[in-house]
């Protein structure tokens, strides 16, 4: 899969861009590893851009939920952006839409994470 990573705001905000389907295999492990590495580096602001993600299963949702919980516990912030309609529906049905901070566009997520 390959997760693209970039930094903005003098390295204070990290943007991860996973691609494809996150269905609990190596691609989900790669996402977990990238998030764990960021936390170990002391990064506390993360944007996960889901523009290129077509599907999430329960393993990927679990990974994102654990990441959100960990960032929040460390007084950090995690925002999802560019969530497609199918994934958005999964979040609505599971009530995760009340937990995850989401923005329609990356630019909006960048503004929101700075607050």
PDB file of N, CA and C in Angstrom:
ATOM      1  N   UNK A   1       0.835  -1.180   0.000  1.00  0.00           N
ATOM      2  CA  UNK A   1       0.000   0.000   0.000  1.00  0.00           C
ATOM      3  C   UNK A   1       0.873   1.233   0.000  1.00  0.00           C
ATOM      4  N   UNK A   2       1.642   1.473   1.013  1.00  0.00           N
ATOM      5  CA  UNK A   2       2.472   2.657   1.099  1.00  0.00           C
ATOM      6  C   UNK A   2       1.698   3.856   1.597  1.00  0.00           C
ATOM      7  N   UNK A   3       2.048   4.317   2.769  1.00  0.00           N
ATOM      8  CA  UNK A   3       1.383   5.479   3.348  1.00  0.00           C
ATOM      9  C   UNK A   3       2.275   6.692   3.136  1.00  0.00           C
ATOM     10  N   UNK A   4       1.737   7.673   2.469  1.00  0.00           N
ATOM     11  CA  UNK A   4       2.466   8.920   2.267  1.00  0.00           C
ATOM     12  C   UNK A   4       2.337   9.752   3.539  1.00  0.00           C
ATOM     13  N   UNK A   5       3.435  10.361   3.934  1.00  0.00           N
ATOM     14  CA  UNK A   5       3.445  11.193   5.127  1.00  0.00           C
ATOM     15  C   UNK A   5       4.056  12.540   4.784  1.00  0.00           C
ATOM     16  N   UNK A   6       3.463  13.599   5.321  1.00  0.00           N
ATOM     17  CA  UNK A   6       4.029  14.932   5.140  1.00  0.00           C
ATOM     18  C   UNK A   6       3.852  15.716   6.428  1.00  0.00           C
ATOM     19  N   UNK A   7       4.662  16.738   6.575  1.00  0.00           N
ATOM     20  CA  UNK A   7       4.585  17.581   7.762  1.00  0.00           C
ATOM     21  C   UNK A   7       4.297  19.012   7.343  1.00  0.00           C
ATOM     22  N   UNK A   8       3.582  19.726   8.205  1.00  0.00           N
ATOM     23  CA  UNK A   8       3.308  21.144   7.974  1.00  0.00           C
ATOM     24  C   UNK A   8       3.426  21.890   9.291  1.00  0.00           C
ATOM     25  N   UNK A   9       3.315  23.183   9.239  1.00  0.00           N
ATOM     26  CA  UNK A   9       3.390  24.043  10.430  1.00  0.00           C
ATOM     27  C   UNK A   9       4.635  23.738  11.252  1.00  0.00           C
ATOM     28  N   UNK A  10       5.797  23.861  10.608  1.00  0.00           N
ATOM     29  CA  UNK A  10       7.090  23.639  11.261  1.00  0.00           C
ATOM     30  C   UNK A  10       7.194  22.255  11.885  1.00  0.00           C
ATOM     31  N   UNK A  11       6.587  21.267  11.263  1.00  0.00           N
ATOM     32  CA  UNK A  11       6.683  19.893  11.751  1.00  0.00           C
ATOM     33  C   UNK A  11       5.737  19.556  12.880  1.00  0.00           C
ATOM     34  N   UNK A  12       4.863  20.488  13.262  1.00  0.00           N
ATOM     35  CA  UNK A  12       3.947  20.233  14.370  1.00  0.00           C
ATOM     36  C   UNK A  12       2.730  19.410  13.971  1.00  0.00           C
ATOM     37  N   UNK A  13       2.394  19.409  12.688  1.00  0.00           N
ATOM     38  CA  UNK A  13       1.233  18.665  12.201  1.00  0.00           C
ATOM     39  C   UNK A  13       1.707  17.648  11.171  1.00  0.00           C
ATOM     40  N   UNK A  14       1.281  16.411  11.371  1.00  0.00           N
ATOM     41  CA  UNK A  14       1.623  15.338  10.452  1.00  0.00           C
ATOM     42  C   UNK A  14       0.367  14.951   9.682  1.00  0.00           C
ATOM     43  N   UNK A  15       0.529  14.741   8.383  1.00  0.00           N
ATOM     44  CA  UNK A  15      -0.579  14.277   7.550  1.00  0.00           C
ATOM     45  C   UNK A  15      -0.216  12.901   7.016  1.00  0.00           C
ATOM     46  N   UNK A  16      -1.055  11.919   7.303  1.00  0.00           N
ATOM     47  CA  UNK A  16      -0.883  10.577   6.760  1.00  0.00           C
ATOM     48  C   UNK A  16      -1.922  10.366   5.666  1.00  0.00           C
ATOM     49  N   UNK A  17      -1.496   9.765   4.569  1.00  0.00           N
ATOM     50  CA  UNK A  17      -2.385   9.512   3.438  1.00  0.00           C
ATOM     51  C   UNK A  17      -2.339   8.030   3.058  1.00  0.00           C
ATOM     52  N   UNK A  18      -3.131   7.209   3.734  1.00  0.00           N
ATOM     53  CA  UNK A  18      -3.200   5.800   3.322  1.00  0.00           C
ATOM     54  C   UNK A  18      -3.943   5.682   1.998  1.00  0.00           C
ATOM     55  N   UNK A  19      -3.726   4.563   1.298  1.00  0.00           N
ATOM     56  CA  UNK A  19      -4.374   4.353   0.003  1.00  0.00           C
ATOM     57  C   UNK A  19      -4.947   2.947  -0.080  1.00  0.00           C
ATOM     58  N   UNK A  20      -6.036   2.801  -0.813  1.00  0.00           N
ATOM     59  CA  UNK A  20      -6.617   1.488  -1.055  1.00  0.00           C
ATOM     60  C   UNK A  20      -7.634   1.098   0.003  1.00  0.00           C
ATOM     61  N   UNK A  21      -7.745  -0.193   0.227  1.00  0.00           N
ATOM     62  CA  UNK A  21      -8.660  -0.720   1.235  1.00  0.00           C
ATOM     63  C   UNK A  21      -7.881  -1.077   2.490  1.00  0.00           C
ATOM     64  N   UNK A  22      -8.380  -0.650   3.621  1.00  0.00           N
ATOM     65  CA  UNK A  22      -7.775  -1.002   4.906  1.00  0.00           C
ATOM     66  C   UNK A  22      -8.615  -2.124   5.497  1.00  0.00           C
ATOM     67  N   UNK A  23      -8.158  -3.357   5.276  1.00  0.00           N
ATOM     68  CA  UNK A  23      -8.987  -4.501   5.652  1.00  0.00           C
ATOM     69  C   UNK A  23      -8.302  -5.449   6.625  1.00  0.00           C
ATOM     70  N   UNK A  24      -7.395  -4.937   7.413  1.00  0.00           N
ATOM     71  CA  UNK A  24      -6.836  -5.728   8.495  1.00  0.00           C
ATOM     72  C   UNK A  24      -5.563  -6.479   8.186  1.00  0.00           C
ATOM     73  N   UNK A  25      -5.018  -6.342   7.004  1.00  0.00           N
ATOM     74  CA  UNK A  25      -3.777  -7.013   6.657  1.00  0.00           C
ATOM     75  C   UNK A  25      -2.578  -6.108   6.852  1.00  0.00           C
ATOM     76  N   UNK A  26      -1.610  -6.251   5.977  1.00  0.00           N
ATOM     77  CA  UNK A  26      -0.366  -5.483   6.094  1.00  0.00           C
ATOM     78  C   UNK A  26      -0.612  -3.978   5.967  1.00  0.00           C
ATOM     79  N   UNK A  27      -1.637  -3.597   5.193  1.00  0.00           N
ATOM     80  CA  UNK A  27      -1.923  -2.168   5.029  1.00  0.00           C
ATOM     81  C   UNK A  27      -2.392  -1.540   6.337  1.00  0.00           C
ATOM     82  N   UNK A  28      -3.165  -2.266   7.117  1.00  0.00           N
ATOM     83  CA  UNK A  28      -3.610  -1.758   8.417  1.00  0.00           C
ATOM     84  C   UNK A  28      -2.450  -1.753   9.399  1.00  0.00           C
ATOM     85  N   UNK A  29      -1.603  -2.790   9.346  1.00  0.00           N
ATOM     86  CA  UNK A  29      -0.411  -2.824  10.193  1.00  0.00           C
ATOM     87  C   UNK A  29       0.513  -1.655   9.885  1.00  0.00           C
ATOM     88  N   UNK A  30       0.626  -1.307   8.603  1.00  0.00           N
ATOM     89  CA  UNK A  30       1.463  -0.176   8.204  1.00  0.00           C
ATOM     90  C   UNK A  30       0.909   1.138   8.780  1.00  0.00           C
ATOM     91  N   UNK A  31      -0.411   1.292   8.752  1.00  0.00           N
ATOM     92  CA  UNK A  31      -1.035   2.484   9.331  1.00  0.00           C
ATOM     93  C   UNK A  31      -0.791   2.539  10.835  1.00  0.00           C
ATOM     94  N   UNK A  32      -0.980   1.414  11.521  1.00  0.00           N
ATOM     95  CA  UNK A  32      -0.731   1.359  12.969  1.00  0.00           C
ATOM     96  C   UNK A  32       0.715   1.717  13.279  1.00  0.00           C
ATOM     97  N   UNK A  33       1.642   1.153  12.498  1.00  0.00           N
ATOM     98  CA  UNK A  33       3.066   1.423  12.710  1.00  0.00           C
ATOM     99  C   UNK A  33       3.410   2.885  12.506  1.00  0.00           C
ATOM    100  N   UNK A  34       2.834   3.496  11.488  1.00  0.00           N
ATOM    101  CA  UNK A  34       3.094   4.915  11.222  1.00  0.00           C
ATOM    102  C   UNK A  34       2.580   5.780  12.367  1.00  0.00           C
ATOM    103  N   UNK A  35       1.401   5.448  12.872  1.00  0.00           N
ATOM    104  CA  UNK A  35       0.823   6.220  13.982  1.00  0.00           C
ATOM    105  C   UNK A  35       1.638   6.021  15.253  1.00  0.00           C
ATOM    106  N   UNK A  36       2.045   4.782  15.519  1.00  0.00           N
ATOM    107  CA  UNK A  36       2.864   4.497  16.704  1.00  0.00           C
ATOM    108  C   UNK A  36       4.186   5.258  16.646  1.00  0.00           C
ATOM    109  N   UNK A  37       4.799   5.284  15.466  1.00  0.00           N
ATOM    110  CA  UNK A  37       6.068   6.012  15.305  1.00  0.00           C
ATOM    111  C   UNK A  37       5.888   7.500  15.589  1.00  0.00           C
ATOM    112  N   UNK A  38       4.785   8.070  15.142  1.00  0.00           N
ATOM    113  CA  UNK A  38       4.527   9.488  15.396  1.00  0.00           C
ATOM    114  C   UNK A  38       4.380   9.757  16.885  1.00  0.00           C
ATOM    115  N   UNK A  39       3.662   8.885  17.560  1.00  0.00           N
ATOM    116  CA  UNK A  39       3.475   9.055  19.007  1.00  0.00           C
ATOM    117  C   UNK A  39       4.804   8.926  19.746  1.00  0.00           C
ATOM    118  N   UNK A  40       5.640   7.981  19.319  1.00  0.00           N
ATOM    119  CA  UNK A  40       6.956   7.805  19.943  1.00  0.00           C
ATOM    120  C   UNK A  40       7.844   9.026  19.725  1.00  0.00           C
ATOM    121  N   UNK A  41       7.619   9.750  18.623  1.00  0.00           N
ATOM    122  CA  UNK A  41       8.378  10.973  18.335  1.00  0.00           C
ATOM    123  C   UNK A  41       7.807  12.187  19.067  1.00  0.00           C
ATOM    124  N   UNK A  42       6.706  11.975  19.789  1.00  0.00           N
ATOM    125  CA  UNK A  42       6.093  13.069  20.530  1.00  0.00           C
ATOM    126  C   UNK A  42       5.179  13.956  19.700  1.00  0.00           C
ATOM    127  N   UNK A  43       4.821  13.515  18.511  1.00  0.00           N
ATOM    128  CA  UNK A  43       3.903  14.295  17.667  1.00  0.00           C
ATOM    129  C   UNK A  43       2.498  14.185  18.239  1.00  0.00           C
ATOM    130  N   UNK A  44       1.810  15.310  18.341  1.00  0.00           N
ATOM    131  CA  UNK A  44       0.494  15.321  18.967  1.00  0.00           C
ATOM    132  C   UNK A  44      -0.618  15.860  18.075  1.00  0.00           C
ATOM    133  N   UNK A  45      -0.301  16.165  16.824  1.00  0.00           N
ATOM    134  CA  UNK A  45      -1.327  16.650  15.901  1.00  0.00           C
ATOM    135  C   UNK A  45      -1.244  15.823  14.621  1.00  0.00           C
ATOM    136  N   UNK A  46      -2.320  15.086  14.353  1.00  0.00           N
ATOM    137  CA  UNK A  46      -2.344  14.180  13.213  1.00  0.00           C
ATOM    138  C   UNK A  46      -3.596  14.392  12.385  1.00  0.00           C
ATOM    139  N   UNK A  47      -3.391  14.488  11.082  1.00  0.00           N
ATOM    140  CA  UNK A  47      -4.498  14.492  10.117  1.00  0.00           C
ATOM    141  C   UNK A  47      -4.361  13.221   9.292  1.00  0.00           C
ATOM    142  N   UNK A  48      -5.431  12.442   9.231  1.00  0.00           N
ATOM    143  CA  UNK A  48      -5.448  11.251   8.386  1.00  0.00           C
ATOM    144  C   UNK A  48      -6.359  11.577   7.200  1.00  0.00           C
ATOM    145  N   UNK A  49      -5.744  11.712   6.037  1.00  0.00           N
ATOM    146  CA  UNK A  49      -6.471  12.057   4.818  1.00  0.00           C
ATOM    147  C   UNK A  49      -6.914  10.758   4.144  1.00  0.00           C
ATOM    148  N   UNK A  50      -8.213  10.503   4.152  1.00  0.00           N
ATOM    149  CA  UNK A  50      -8.763   9.256   3.627  1.00  0.00           C
ATOM    150  C   UNK A  50      -9.244   9.367   2.181  1.00  0.00           C
ATOM    151  N   UNK A  51      -8.774  10.366   1.461  1.00  0.00           N
ATOM    152  CA  UNK A  51      -9.220  10.586   0.080  1.00  0.00           C
ATOM    153  C   UNK A  51      -8.987   9.372  -0.814  1.00  0.00           C
ATOM    154  N   UNK A  52      -7.916   8.645  -0.589  1.00  0.00           N
ATOM    155  CA  UNK A  52      -7.564   7.499  -1.440  1.00  0.00           C
ATOM    156  C   UNK A  52      -7.925   6.160  -0.804  1.00  0.00           C
ATOM    157  N   UNK A  53      -8.715   6.182   0.273  1.00  0.00           N
ATOM    158  CA  UNK A  53      -9.136   4.943   0.932  1.00  0.00           C
ATOM    159  C   UNK A  53     -10.551   4.615   0.468  1.00  0.00           C
ATOM    160  N   UNK A  54     -10.708   3.428  -0.072  1.00  0.00           N
ATOM    161  CA  UNK A  54     -12.013   3.032  -0.606  1.00  0.00           C
ATOM    162  C   UNK A  54     -12.864   2.275   0.410  1.00  0.00           C
ATOM    163  N   UNK A  55     -12.223   1.616   1.387  1.00  0.00           N
ATOM    164  CA  UNK A  55     -12.977   0.795   2.326  1.00  0.00           C
ATOM    165  C   UNK A  55     -12.190   0.607   3.611  1.00  0.00           C
ATOM    166  N   UNK A  56     -12.900   0.568   4.728  1.00  0.00           N
ATOM    167  CA  UNK A  56     -12.321   0.249   6.039  1.00  0.00           C
ATOM    168  C   UNK A  56     -13.096  -0.917   6.620  1.00  0.00           C
ATOM    169  N   UNK A  57     -12.393  -1.864   7.252  1.00  0.00           N
ATOM    170  CA  UNK A  57     -13.123  -2.881   7.995  1.00  0.00           C
ATOM    171  C   UNK A  57     -12.929  -2.631   9.487  1.00  0.00           C
ATOM    172  N   UNK A  58     -13.399  -3.557  10.303  1.00  0.00           N
ATOM    173  CA  UNK A  58     -13.361  -3.350  11.752  1.00  0.00           C
ATOM    174  C   UNK A  58     -11.941  -3.231  12.294  1.00  0.00           C
ATOM    175  N   UNK A  59     -10.980  -3.913  11.683  1.00  0.00           N
ATOM    176  CA  UNK A  59      -9.590  -3.805  12.141  1.00  0.00           C
ATOM    177  C   UNK A  59      -9.049  -2.393  11.942  1.00  0.00           C
ATOM    178  N   UNK A  60      -9.321  -1.825  10.790  1.00  0.00           N
ATOM    179  CA  UNK A  60      -8.859  -0.468  10.505  1.00  0.00           C
ATOM    180  C   UNK A  60      -9.590   0.547  11.383  1.00  0.00           C
ATOM    181  N   UNK A  61     -10.887   0.342  11.581  1.00  0.00           N
ATOM    182  CA  UNK A  61     -11.646   1.231  12.460  1.00  0.00           C
ATOM    183  C   UNK A  61     -11.093   1.154  13.872  1.00  0.00           C
ATOM    184  N   UNK A  62     -10.749  -0.063  14.301  1.00  0.00           N
ATOM    185  CA  UNK A  62     -10.140  -0.232  15.624  1.00  0.00           C
ATOM    186  C   UNK A  62      -8.816   0.496  15.741  1.00  0.00           C
ATOM    187  N   UNK A  63      -7.997   0.418  14.695  1.00  0.00           N
ATOM    188  CA  UNK A  63      -6.703   1.113  14.698  1.00  0.00           C
ATOM    189  C   UNK A  63      -6.895   2.620  14.797  1.00  0.00           C
ATOM    190  N   UNK A  64      -7.855   3.154  14.047  1.00  0.00           N
ATOM    191  CA  UNK A  64      -8.125   4.596  14.109  1.00  0.00           C
ATOM    192  C   UNK A  64      -8.692   5.000  15.466  1.00  0.00           C
ATOM    193  N   UNK A  65      -9.537   4.151  16.033  1.00  0.00           N
ATOM    194  CA  UNK A  65     -10.126   4.444  17.347  1.00  0.00           C
ATOM    195  C   UNK A  65      -9.056   4.453  18.434  1.00  0.00           C
ATOM    196  N   UNK A  66      -8.160   3.472  18.403  1.00  0.00           N
ATOM    197  CA  UNK A  66      -7.062   3.436  19.381  1.00  0.00           C
ATOM    198  C   UNK A  66      -6.166   4.660  19.212  1.00  0.00           C
ATOM    199  N   UNK A  67      -5.874   5.018  17.965  1.00  0.00           N
ATOM    200  CA  UNK A  67      -5.045   6.210  17.715  1.00  0.00           C
ATOM    201  C   UNK A  67      -5.728   7.453  18.274  1.00  0.00           C
ATOM    202  N   UNK A  68      -7.018   7.597  18.003  1.00  0.00           N
ATOM    203  CA  UNK A  68      -7.760   8.758  18.504  1.00  0.00           C
ATOM    204  C   UNK A  68      -7.711   8.804  20.032  1.00  0.00           C
ATOM    205  N   UNK A  69      -7.939   7.681  20.666  1.00  0.00           N
ATOM    206  CA  UNK A  69      -7.922   7.616  22.132  1.00  0.00           C
ATOM    207  C   UNK A  69      -6.553   7.990  22.676  1.00  0.00           C
ATOM    208  N   UNK A  70      -5.496   7.480  22.035  1.00  0.00           N
ATOM    209  CA  UNK A  70      -4.137   7.757  22.497  1.00  0.00           C
ATOM    210  C   UNK A  70      -3.777   9.225  22.307  1.00  0.00           C
ATOM    211  N   UNK A  71      -4.097   9.792  21.154  1.00  0.00           N
ATOM    212  CA  UNK A  71      -3.815  11.206  20.925  1.00  0.00           C
ATOM    213  C   UNK A  71      -4.576  12.071  21.933  1.00  0.00           C
ATOM    214  N   UNK A  72      -5.831  11.753  22.173  1.00  0.00           N
ATOM    215  CA  UNK A  72      -6.646  12.523  23.123  1.00  0.00           C
ATOM    216  C   UNK A  72      -6.082  12.411  24.534  1.00  0.00           C
ATOM    217  N   UNK A  73      -5.669  11.219  24.934  1.00  0.00           N
ATOM    218  CA  UNK A  73      -5.116  11.013  26.279  1.00  0.00           C
ATOM    219  C   UNK A  73      -3.827  11.800  26.489  1.00  0.00           C
ATOM    220  N   UNK A  74      -3.116  12.058  25.415  1.00  0.00           N
ATOM    221  CA  UNK A  74      -1.862  12.821  25.499  1.00  0.00           C
ATOM    222  C   UNK A  74      -2.076  14.301  25.192  1.00  0.00           C
ATOM    223  N   UNK A  75      -3.315  14.745  25.256  1.00  0.00           N
ATOM    224  CA  UNK A  75      -3.684  16.131  24.953  1.00  0.00           C
ATOM    225  C   UNK A  75      -3.356  16.514  23.517  1.00  0.00           C
ATOM    226  N   UNK A  76      -3.417  15.544  22.644  1.00  0.00           N
ATOM    227  CA  UNK A  76      -3.190  15.792  21.233  1.00  0.00           C
ATOM    228  C   UNK A  76      -4.510  15.866  20.492  1.00  0.00           C
ATOM    229  N   UNK A  77      -4.408  15.876  19.173  1.00  0.00           N
ATOM    230  CA  UNK A  77      -5.608  16.004  18.351  1.00  0.00           C
ATOM    231  C   UNK A  77      -5.418  15.200  17.070  1.00  0.00           C
ATOM    232  N   UNK A  78      -6.462  14.484  16.688  1.00  0.00           N
ATOM    233  CA  UNK A  78      -6.454  13.720  15.452  1.00  0.00           C
ATOM    234  C   UNK A  78      -7.718  14.054  14.672  1.00  0.00           C
ATOM    235  N   UNK A  79      -7.558  14.363  13.393  1.00  0.00           N
ATOM    236  CA  UNK A  79      -8.688  14.713  12.536  1.00  0.00           C
ATOM    237  C   UNK A  79      -8.634  13.854  11.276  1.00  0.00           C
ATOM    238  N   UNK A  80      -9.780  13.359  10.867  1.00  0.00           N
ATOM    239  CA  UNK A  80      -9.911  12.641   9.605  1.00  0.00           C
ATOM    240  C   UNK A  80     -10.469  13.612   8.568  1.00  0.00           C
ATOM    241  N   UNK A  81      -9.981  13.521   7.343  1.00  0.00           N
ATOM    242  CA  UNK A  81     -10.530  14.380   6.301  1.00  0.00           C
ATOM    243  C   UNK A  81     -10.714  13.598   5.013  1.00  0.00           C
ATOM    244  N   UNK A  82     -11.484  14.186   4.108  1.00  0.00           N
ATOM    245  CA  UNK A  82     -11.782  13.566   2.819  1.00  0.00           C
ATOM    246  C   UNK A  82     -12.363  12.170   2.980  1.00  0.00           C
ATOM    247  N   UNK A  83     -13.281  12.036   3.920  1.00  0.00           N
ATOM    248  CA  UNK A  83     -13.922  10.748   4.182  1.00  0.00           C
ATOM    249  C   UNK A  83     -15.012  10.535   3.122  1.00  0.00           C
ATOM    250  N   UNK A  84     -14.916   9.427   2.375  1.00  0.00           N
ATOM    251  CA  UNK A  84     -15.913   9.202   1.325  1.00  0.00           C
ATOM    252  C   UNK A  84     -17.255   8.794   1.939  1.00  0.00           C
ATOM    253  N   UNK A  85     -18.274   8.771   1.112  1.00  0.00           N
ATOM    254  CA  UNK A  85     -19.632   8.530   1.586  1.00  0.00           C
ATOM    255  C   UNK A  85     -19.787   7.154   2.238  1.00  0.00           C
ATOM    256  N   UNK A  86     -19.165   6.122   1.672  1.00  0.00           N
ATOM    257  CA  UNK A  86     -19.271   4.779   2.245  1.00  0.00           C
ATOM    258  C   UNK A  86     -18.676   4.707   3.643  1.00  0.00           C
ATOM    259  N   UNK A  87     -17.498   5.288   3.809  1.00  0.00           N
ATOM    260  CA  UNK A  87     -16.850   5.282   5.126  1.00  0.00           C
ATOM    261  C   UNK A  87     -17.628   6.162   6.096  1.00  0.00           C
ATOM    262  N   UNK A  88     -18.106   7.284   5.612  1.00  0.00           N
ATOM    263  CA  UNK A  88     -18.923   8.162   6.452  1.00  0.00           C
ATOM    264  C   UNK A  88     -20.163   7.426   6.959  1.00  0.00           C
ATOM    265  N   UNK A  89     -20.785   6.625   6.093  1.00  0.00           N
ATOM    266  CA  UNK A  89     -21.952   5.846   6.506  1.00  0.00           C
ATOM    267  C   UNK A  89     -21.595   4.818   7.582  1.00  0.00           C
ATOM    268  N   UNK A  90     -20.422   4.203   7.457  1.00  0.00           N
ATOM    269  CA  UNK A  90     -19.964   3.264   8.488  1.00  0.00           C
ATOM    270  C   UNK A  90     -19.834   3.996   9.822  1.00  0.00           C
ATOM    271  N   UNK A  91     -19.256   5.190   9.795  1.00  0.00           N
ATOM    272  CA  UNK A  91     -19.098   5.976  11.025  1.00  0.00           C
ATOM    273  C   UNK A  91     -20.456   6.363  11.613  1.00  0.00           C
ATOM    274  N   UNK A  92     -21.419   6.670  10.765  1.00  0.00           N
ATOM    275  CA  UNK A  92     -22.757   7.023  11.256  1.00  0.00           C
ATOM    276  C   UNK A  92     -23.440   5.832  11.914  1.00  0.00           C
ATOM    277  N   UNK A  93     -23.407   4.688  11.251  1.00  0.00           N
ATOM    278  CA  UNK A  93     -24.079   3.491  11.760  1.00  0.00           C
ATOM    279  C   UNK A  93     -23.460   3.040  13.088  1.00  0.00           C
ATOM    280  N   UNK A  94     -22.149   3.132  13.201  1.00  0.00           N
ATOM    281  CA  UNK A  94     -21.459   2.682  14.411  1.00  0.00           C
ATOM    282  C   UNK A  94     -21.375   3.770  15.485  1.00  0.00           C
ATOM    283  N   UNK A  95     -21.917   4.946  15.191  1.00  0.00           N
ATOM    284  CA  UNK A  95     -21.892   6.106  16.099  1.00  0.00           C
ATOM    285  C   UNK A  95     -20.481   6.673  16.297  1.00  0.00           C
ATOM    286  N   UNK A  96     -19.524   6.223  15.486  1.00  0.00           N
ATOM    287  CA  UNK A  96     -18.172   6.768  15.581  1.00  0.00           C
ATOM    288  C   UNK A  96     -18.101   8.204  15.065  1.00  0.00           C
ATOM    289  N   UNK A  97     -19.138   8.617  14.357  1.00  0.00           N
ATOM    290  CA  UNK A  97     -19.184  10.008  13.888  1.00  0.00           C
ATOM    291  C   UNK A  97     -19.264  10.976  15.060  1.00  0.00           C
ATOM    292  N   UNK A  98     -19.660  10.494  16.222  1.00  0.00           N
ATOM    293  CA  UNK A  98     -19.710  11.348  17.412  1.00  0.00           C
ATOM    294  C   UNK A  98     -18.353  11.406  18.120  1.00  0.00           C
ATOM    295  N   UNK A  99     -17.446  10.525  17.724  1.00  0.00           N
ATOM    296  CA  UNK A  99     -16.129  10.464  18.369  1.00  0.00           C
ATOM    297  C   UNK A  99     -15.055  11.118  17.512  1.00  0.00           C
ATOM    298  N   UNK A 100     -14.999  10.728  16.238  1.00  0.00           N
ATOM    299  CA  UNK A 100     -13.963  11.250  15.355  1.00  0.00           C
ATOM    300  C   UNK A 100     -14.266  12.678  14.924  1.00  0.00           C
ATOM    301  N   UNK A 101     -13.232  13.495  14.935  1.00  0.00           N
ATOM    302  CA  UNK A 101     -13.325  14.819  14.336  1.00  0.00           C
ATOM    303  C   UNK A 101     -13.074  14.634  12.852  1.00  0.00           C
ATOM    304  N   UNK A 102     -13.978  15.134  12.029  1.00  0.00           N
ATOM    305  CA  UNK A 102     -13.812  15.000  10.586  1.00  0.00           C
ATOM    306  C   UNK A 102     -14.013  16.351   9.905  1.00  0.00           C
ATOM    307  N   UNK A 103     -13.332  16.513   8.807  1.00  0.00           N
ATOM    308  CA  UNK A 103     -13.475  17.686   7.961  1.00  0.00           C
ATOM    309  C   UNK A 103     -13.592  17.212   6.526  1.00  0.00           C
ATOM    310  N   UNK A 104     -14.343  17.951   5.725  1.00  0.00           N
ATOM    311  CA  UNK A 104     -14.548  17.565   4.332  1.00  0.00           C
ATOM    312  C   UNK A 104     -13.275  17.692   3.501  1.00  0.00           C
ATOM    313  N   UNK A 105     -12.498  18.734   3.755  1.00  0.00           N
ATOM    314  CA  UNK A 105     -11.310  19.015   2.956  1.00  0.00           C
ATOM    315  C   UNK A 105     -10.071  19.077   3.843  1.00  0.00           C
ATOM    316  N   UNK A 106      -8.932  18.791   3.228  1.00  0.00           N
ATOM    317  CA  UNK A 106      -7.668  18.844   3.963  1.00  0.00           C
ATOM    318  C   UNK A 106      -7.409  20.245   4.516  1.00  0.00           C
ATOM    319  N   UNK A 107      -7.714  21.264   3.732  1.00  0.00           N
ATOM    320  CA  UNK A 107      -7.480  22.639   4.168  1.00  0.00           C
ATOM    321  C   UNK A 107      -8.275  22.948   5.436  1.00  0.00           C
ATOM    322  N   UNK A 108      -9.509  22.442   5.507  1.00  0.00           N
ATOM    323  CA  UNK A 108     -10.339  22.650   6.697  1.00  0.00           C
ATOM    324  C   UNK A 108      -9.759  21.910   7.895  1.00  0.00           C
ATOM    325  N   UNK A 109      -9.216  20.716   7.662  1.00  0.00           N
ATOM    326  CA  UNK A 109      -8.600  19.955   8.753  1.00  0.00           C
ATOM    327  C   UNK A 109      -7.360  20.667   9.289  1.00  0.00           C
ATOM    328  N   UNK A 110      -6.587  21.255   8.391  1.00  0.00           N
ATOM    329  CA  UNK A 110      -5.387  22.000   8.804  1.00  0.00           C
ATOM    330  C   UNK A 110      -5.782  23.190   9.675  1.00  0.00           C
ATOM    331  N   UNK A 111      -6.823  23.899   9.275  1.00  0.00           N
ATOM    332  CA  UNK A 111      -7.299  25.037  10.083  1.00  0.00           C
ATOM    333  C   UNK A 111      -7.825  24.549  11.437  1.00  0.00           C
ATOM    334  N   UNK A 112      -8.584  23.462  11.427  1.00  0.00           N
ATOM    335  CA  UNK A 112      -9.197  22.967  12.660  1.00  0.00           C
ATOM    336  C   UNK A 112      -8.170  22.414  13.634  1.00  0.00           C
ATOM    337  N   UNK A 113      -7.125  21.795  13.146  1.00  0.00           N
ATOM    338  CA  UNK A 113      -6.147  21.191  14.058  1.00  0.00           C
ATOM    339  C   UNK A 113      -5.289  22.249  14.749  1.00  0.00           C
ATOM    340  N   UNK A 114      -5.227  23.430  14.155  1.00  0.00           N
ATOM    341  CA  UNK A 114      -4.452  24.515  14.754  1.00  0.00           C
ATOM    342  C   UNK A 114      -5.162  25.204  15.899  1.00  0.00           C
ATOM    343  N   UNK A 115      -6.459  24.939  16.065  1.00  0.00           N
ATOM    344  CA  UNK A 115      -7.249  25.601  17.108  1.00  0.00           C
ATOM    345  C   UNK A 115      -7.043  24.958  18.455  1.00  0.00           C
TER     346      UNK A 115
END
